[in-house]
Amino acid sequence: MIDWSSSNTPKKGEDSLWAALLQWENGVARLTTKNHLTRAALTAEIAATLAGELAGQRVLVGFDFALGLPAGTASALGLATEAGAWRAVWDRLGADVQDDDSNKNNRFAVAAAWNAAITGGFGPFFGCPPRLPASITKTLSTTQKGVFDYPVAAKAGGSLARTRRVDDLAGSATPWFVYGGANSVGGQTLVGIPRVAQLRKTVSDSAVWPFEADAEKARVVFAEIYPSLFYTRVRGRGPARIHDREQVAETAVALAGLDANGELTALFAAPTAEARVEEGWILGVR
């Protein structure tokens, strides 16, 4: 289970990259956690672990950011969707996002450019730090409130909602929120999806749920998680109380418990057609 970060610099501790790995050894669960400085390092370690220590084993890899955007995004961007709206968005992000080995990334520029392409102005993405170039701030606002409202009208026709169907059910944040406080999952999504796409390409016997047919039957399943479904935050600081570490550890334990009881498979029941085509779904939301 992975706690993601869109940080622009290498970082450890609070609000950084944490991974929890739970393995069954002779019927006993063994849990380890690790903090990573950069997305590149974490992605490389996941790939190496899946090909090495976990080779031949079935593995569920969960990421706590949106693996899809609200329905209509691909069409609003004018993308060809013959291979699937979700894949069209993933491919476009792969082409647009720059995220180097030191975490330096262009997520604000991408969000601004997508706003320009979708609406010609502010929205659907919002949230950025002050003192960015005018080329970014002319279409990416620091806040949504008082600037524009959802649904936003797309230049190509149709409109985009603030949230996905699964966000409404789970109470999770809008994937359009790029920066500016807690739950800025949009920034994590922009730099996260290209990394999952990289892993999907590297690990040949893997699949992304719920987009790919029978994805849950693959040896390695990549899925979206929302740790708040399994973990209640306890306020406090210090090594023993790092929220990001605790939430992925507890999520791993909870899902492993469901697996041990034969209840995990039920979580992969096919969600809505919209989720399978473009929006994605959070594992555990019914």
Protein backbone atom coordinates (compact mmCIF):
# COMPACT_ATOMS: atom_id res chain seq x y z
CA MET A 1 0.00 0.00 0.00
CA ILE A 2 1.41 3.36 -1.08
CA ASP A 3 0.96 6.83 0.41
CA TRP A 4 1.80 9.16 -2.46
CA SER A 5 3.18 12.69 -2.58
CA SER A 6 3.44 15.37 -5.26
CA SER A 7 6.32 17.15 -3.52
CA ASN A 8 8.61 19.11 -5.81
CA THR A 9 11.71 18.20 -3.79
CA PRO A 10 13.04 15.03 -2.10
CA LYS A 11 11.38 14.63 1.28
CA LYS A 12 11.03 12.20 4.17
CA GLY A 13 8.83 12.08 7.25
CA GLU A 14 5.41 13.72 7.38
CA ASP A 15 3.65 14.31 4.05
CA SER A 16 6.07 12.22 2.03
CA LEU A 17 6.17 8.85 0.28
CA TRP A 18 5.45 5.80 2.45
CA ALA A 19 5.04 2.16 1.47
CA ALA A 20 3.67 -0.68 3.58
CA LEU A 21 4.30 -4.27 2.54
CA LEU A 22 2.38 -7.09 4.19
CA GLN A 23 3.45 -10.65 3.32
CA TRP A 24 2.13 -14.01 4.41
CA GLU A 25 4.83 -16.30 5.80
CA ASN A 26 3.59 -19.72 6.88
CA GLY A 27 0.19 -18.27 7.61
CA VAL A 28 1.57 -15.37 9.62
CA ALA A 29 1.37 -11.78 8.41
CA ARG A 30 4.65 -9.84 8.36
CA LEU A 31 4.36 -6.07 7.94
CA THR A 32 7.19 -3.71 7.00
CA THR A 33 7.09 -0.01 6.16
CA LYS A 34 9.55 2.23 4.37
CA ASN A 35 9.89 5.94 3.67
CA HIS A 36 11.13 7.07 0.26
CA LEU A 37 12.68 10.37 -0.79
CA THR A 38 11.46 10.45 -4.37
CA ARG A 39 8.74 9.03 -6.60
CA ALA A 40 11.38 7.69 -8.97
CA ALA A 41 13.08 5.73 -6.17
CA LEU A 42 9.80 4.33 -4.87
CA THR A 43 8.63 3.31 -8.36
CA ALA A 44 11.95 1.59 -9.05
CA GLU A 45 11.78 -0.30 -5.76
CA ILE A 46 8.22 -1.46 -6.40
CA ALA A 47 9.25 -2.81 -9.81
CA ALA A 48 12.33 -4.52 -8.37
CA THR A 49 10.36 -6.08 -5.51
CA LEU A 50 7.64 -7.41 -7.82
CA ALA A 51 10.28 -8.96 -10.08
CA GLY A 52 12.50 -10.15 -7.25
CA GLU A 53 11.34 -10.91 -3.73
CA LEU A 54 7.69 -11.22 -4.78
CA ALA A 55 8.26 -12.93 -8.13
CA GLY A 56 5.61 -15.54 -8.77
CA GLN A 57 3.40 -14.29 -5.93
CA ARG A 58 0.05 -12.59 -6.31
CA VAL A 59 0.30 -8.99 -5.17
CA LEU A 60 -2.20 -6.17 -4.65
CA VAL A 61 -0.55 -2.75 -5.02
CA GLY A 62 -2.71 0.15 -3.79
CA PHE A 63 -2.10 3.84 -4.48
CA ASP A 64 -3.89 6.58 -2.54
CA PHE A 65 -4.59 8.92 -5.45
CA ALA A 66 -7.17 8.93 -8.23
CA LEU A 67 -6.42 6.58 -11.11
CA GLY A 68 -9.09 8.26 -13.22
CA LEU A 69 -10.70 11.68 -13.69
CA PRO A 70 -14.40 12.61 -13.82
CA ALA A 71 -16.39 11.27 -16.76
CA GLY A 72 -16.02 13.31 -19.93
CA THR A 73 -12.42 14.41 -19.37
CA ALA A 74 -11.04 12.57 -22.40
CA SER A 75 -13.74 13.97 -24.67
CA ALA A 76 -13.26 17.47 -23.26
CA LEU A 77 -9.58 17.22 -24.20
CA GLY A 78 -10.46 15.99 -27.69
CA LEU A 79 -8.67 12.68 -27.18
CA ALA A 80 -9.26 9.55 -29.25
CA THR A 81 -10.89 7.01 -26.96
CA GLU A 82 -10.98 3.84 -29.07
CA ALA A 83 -8.64 2.12 -26.58
CA GLY A 84 -10.63 3.49 -23.63
CA ALA A 85 -11.15 6.96 -22.21
CA TRP A 86 -9.00 6.13 -19.19
CA ARG A 87 -6.08 5.04 -21.37
CA ALA A 88 -6.38 8.18 -23.51
CA VAL A 89 -6.06 10.33 -20.37
CA TRP A 90 -3.16 8.21 -19.09
CA ASP A 91 -1.32 8.49 -22.40
CA ARG A 92 -1.82 12.27 -22.49
CA LEU A 93 -0.49 12.59 -18.94
CA GLY A 94 2.48 10.44 -19.88
CA ALA A 95 3.27 12.83 -22.71
CA ASP A 96 2.67 16.05 -20.75
CA VAL A 97 3.99 15.39 -17.24
CA GLN A 98 7.68 15.86 -16.49
CA ASP A 99 8.78 14.40 -13.15
CA ASP A 100 12.50 13.89 -12.69
CA ASP A 101 14.55 11.76 -10.29
CA SER A 102 14.69 14.59 -7.73
CA ASN A 103 10.87 15.08 -7.66
CA LYS A 104 10.98 18.28 -9.70
CA ASN A 105 7.79 18.28 -11.75
CA ASN A 106 5.59 20.47 -13.94
CA ARG A 107 2.17 19.59 -12.49
CA PHE A 108 1.04 23.22 -12.26
CA ALA A 109 1.90 23.88 -15.89
CA VAL A 110 0.06 20.71 -16.94
CA ALA A 111 -3.03 21.62 -14.90
CA ALA A 112 -3.03 25.12 -16.41
CA ALA A 113 -2.60 23.78 -19.95
CA TRP A 114 -5.42 21.27 -19.49
CA ASN A 115 -7.67 24.05 -18.15
CA ALA A 116 -6.89 26.10 -21.23
CA ALA A 117 -7.69 23.15 -23.48
CA ILE A 118 -10.89 22.16 -21.63
CA THR A 119 -12.53 25.47 -20.73
CA GLY A 120 -10.27 28.19 -22.08
CA GLY A 121 -10.01 29.69 -18.59
CA PHE A 122 -10.12 28.67 -14.95
CA GLY A 123 -11.24 25.16 -14.05
CA PRO A 124 -11.66 22.30 -13.75
CA PHE A 125 -8.22 22.12 -12.05
CA PHE A 126 -7.51 24.61 -9.27
CA GLY A 127 -4.89 25.26 -6.61
CA CYS A 128 -1.35 26.58 -6.98
CA PRO A 129 1.24 28.42 -4.88
CA PRO A 130 1.77 32.17 -5.26
CA ARG A 131 4.31 33.76 -7.58
CA LEU A 132 4.05 31.30 -10.43
CA PRO A 133 4.51 32.56 -14.01
CA ALA A 134 1.56 34.33 -15.60
CA SER A 135 1.45 31.61 -18.25
CA ILE A 136 0.21 29.30 -15.47
CA THR A 137 -1.88 31.61 -13.28
CA LYS A 138 -3.96 32.92 -16.17
CA THR A 139 -5.79 29.57 -16.27
CA LEU A 140 -4.96 27.95 -12.89
CA SER A 141 -6.46 29.76 -9.90
CA THR A 142 -5.20 29.48 -6.33
CA THR A 143 -8.70 28.57 -5.18
CA GLN A 144 -11.97 27.43 -6.73
CA LYS A 145 -14.39 29.26 -4.47
CA GLY A 146 -15.32 32.65 -5.85
CA VAL A 147 -13.54 31.98 -9.15
CA PHE A 148 -15.59 29.34 -10.96
CA ASP A 149 -18.26 26.76 -10.23
CA TYR A 150 -18.89 23.13 -11.11
CA PRO A 151 -19.97 21.64 -13.37
CA VAL A 152 -17.59 23.43 -15.72
CA ALA A 153 -18.62 23.76 -19.35
CA ALA A 154 -16.13 22.28 -21.81
CA LYS A 155 -15.32 24.06 -25.06
CA ALA A 156 -15.85 20.80 -26.91
CA GLY A 157 -19.33 20.42 -25.43
CA GLY A 158 -20.64 18.79 -22.30
CA SER A 159 -19.48 19.53 -18.78
CA LEU A 160 -17.27 18.12 -16.04
CA ALA A 161 -18.37 17.49 -12.47
CA ARG A 162 -16.39 18.37 -9.36
CA THR A 163 -16.10 14.74 -8.27
CA ARG A 164 -16.37 11.20 -9.53
CA ARG A 165 -19.22 8.95 -8.50
CA VAL A 166 -16.92 7.02 -6.15
CA ASP A 167 -15.74 10.25 -4.49
CA ASP A 168 -19.35 11.06 -3.64
CA LEU A 169 -19.82 7.64 -2.06
CA ALA A 170 -16.50 7.59 -0.19
CA GLY A 171 -16.37 11.24 0.82
CA SER A 172 -12.97 11.57 -0.85
CA ALA A 173 -11.62 14.84 -2.25
CA THR A 174 -12.00 16.16 -5.78
CA PRO A 175 -9.21 15.03 -8.14
CA TRP A 176 -9.19 18.54 -9.62
CA PHE A 177 -7.56 20.02 -6.44
CA VAL A 178 -3.87 20.39 -7.28
CA TYR A 179 -2.39 22.33 -4.35
CA GLY A 180 -3.27 24.38 -1.30
CA GLY A 181 -3.92 22.22 1.73
CA ALA A 182 -5.04 18.80 2.86
CA ASN A 183 -6.40 16.37 0.30
CA SER A 184 -4.83 18.04 -2.74
CA VAL A 185 -5.16 14.72 -4.53
CA GLY A 186 -5.18 16.32 -7.98
CA GLY A 187 -1.48 17.10 -7.83
CA GLN A 188 -0.73 13.57 -6.69
CA THR A 189 -2.87 12.19 -9.51
CA LEU A 190 -1.06 14.22 -12.17
CA VAL A 191 2.38 12.91 -11.17
CA GLY A 192 1.09 9.54 -10.00
CA ILE A 193 -0.71 8.12 -13.01
CA PRO A 194 2.41 8.23 -15.25
CA ARG A 195 4.31 6.27 -12.58
CA VAL A 196 1.62 3.58 -12.40
CA ALA A 197 1.59 3.45 -16.21
CA GLN A 198 5.36 2.90 -16.07
CA LEU A 199 4.90 0.01 -13.65
CA ARG A 200 2.09 -1.48 -15.73
CA LYS A 201 4.43 -1.52 -18.73
CA THR A 202 7.37 -2.91 -16.77
CA VAL A 203 5.46 -5.68 -15.01
CA SER A 204 4.03 -7.71 -17.88
CA ASP A 205 1.75 -9.90 -15.75
CA SER A 206 -0.04 -6.95 -14.14
CA ALA A 207 -3.31 -5.13 -14.72
CA VAL A 208 -5.05 -1.97 -13.55
CA TRP A 209 -8.38 -2.39 -11.77
CA PRO A 210 -11.16 -1.68 -12.70
CA PHE A 211 -10.14 -0.55 -16.18
CA GLU A 212 -8.77 -3.78 -17.60
CA ALA A 213 -10.96 -6.85 -18.11
CA ASP A 214 -10.57 -9.39 -15.30
CA ALA A 215 -7.84 -7.21 -13.78
CA GLU A 216 -8.37 -8.76 -10.36
CA LYS A 217 -7.19 -12.12 -11.75
CA ALA A 218 -3.76 -10.80 -12.76
CA ARG A 219 -0.70 -11.78 -10.73
CA VAL A 220 -0.13 -8.10 -9.87
CA VAL A 221 -3.15 -5.84 -9.48
CA PHE A 222 -2.76 -2.06 -9.36
CA ALA A 223 -5.73 -0.36 -7.69
CA GLU A 224 -6.78 2.90 -6.08
CA ILE A 225 -7.14 2.98 -2.30
CA TYR A 226 -8.53 5.48 0.19
CA PRO A 227 -6.94 4.75 3.59
CA SER A 228 -9.67 6.63 5.47
CA LEU A 229 -11.92 3.64 4.76
CA PHE A 230 -9.73 1.56 7.08
CA TYR A 231 -7.91 4.03 9.32
CA THR A 232 -8.92 6.80 11.72
CA ARG A 233 -6.22 9.39 12.21
CA VAL A 234 -4.74 9.83 15.67
CA ARG A 235 -3.22 13.27 16.12
CA GLY A 236 0.39 13.29 17.23
CA ARG A 237 3.93 13.65 15.96
CA GLY A 238 7.17 11.70 16.06
CA PRO A 239 8.31 8.46 14.40
CA ALA A 240 5.59 6.41 16.06
CA ARG A 241 2.83 8.79 14.97
CA ILE A 242 3.54 9.62 11.33
CA HIS A 243 0.08 9.70 9.80
CA ASP A 244 1.18 8.64 6.30
CA ARG A 245 3.02 5.59 7.61
CA GLU A 246 0.19 4.54 9.89
CA GLN A 247 -2.54 4.84 7.31
CA VAL A 248 -0.89 2.61 4.71
CA ALA A 249 0.12 0.10 7.38
CA GLU A 250 -3.45 -0.11 8.70
CA THR A 251 -4.85 -0.35 5.16
CA ALA A 252 -2.51 -3.24 4.39
CA VAL A 253 -3.54 -5.01 7.60
CA ALA A 254 -7.24 -4.48 6.93
CA LEU A 255 -7.10 -5.77 3.36
CA ALA A 256 -4.94 -8.73 4.41
CA GLY A 257 -7.53 -9.58 7.04
CA LEU A 258 -10.27 -9.55 4.42
CA ASP A 259 -8.07 -11.74 2.22
CA ALA A 260 -7.53 -14.24 5.04
CA ASN A 261 -11.29 -14.42 5.62
CA GLY A 262 -12.07 -14.92 1.93
CA GLU A 263 -13.76 -11.51 1.70
CA LEU A 264 -11.28 -9.57 -0.44
CA THR A 265 -12.54 -10.88 -3.79
CA ALA A 266 -15.94 -9.30 -3.19
CA LEU A 267 -14.37 -5.84 -3.21
CA PHE A 268 -13.48 -6.31 -6.87
CA ALA A 269 -17.12 -6.61 -7.93
CA ALA A 270 -17.61 -4.62 -11.13
CA PRO A 271 -18.53 -1.01 -10.33
CA THR A 272 -20.41 1.27 -12.74
CA ALA A 273 -19.70 1.24 -16.47
CA GLU A 274 -18.47 4.83 -16.10
CA ALA A 275 -15.90 3.66 -13.57
CA ARG A 276 -14.61 0.90 -15.83
CA VAL A 277 -14.33 3.22 -18.81
CA GLU A 278 -12.87 6.42 -17.37
CA GLU A 279 -13.39 7.39 -13.74
CA GLY A 280 -11.89 4.42 -11.94
CA TRP A 281 -12.98 3.24 -8.50
CA ILE A 282 -11.70 3.07 -4.94
CA LEU A 283 -11.18 -0.47 -3.70
CA GLY A 284 -13.53 -1.12 -0.81
CA VAL A 285 -16.29 1.33 -1.78
CA ARG A 286 -19.58 -0.42 -2.54
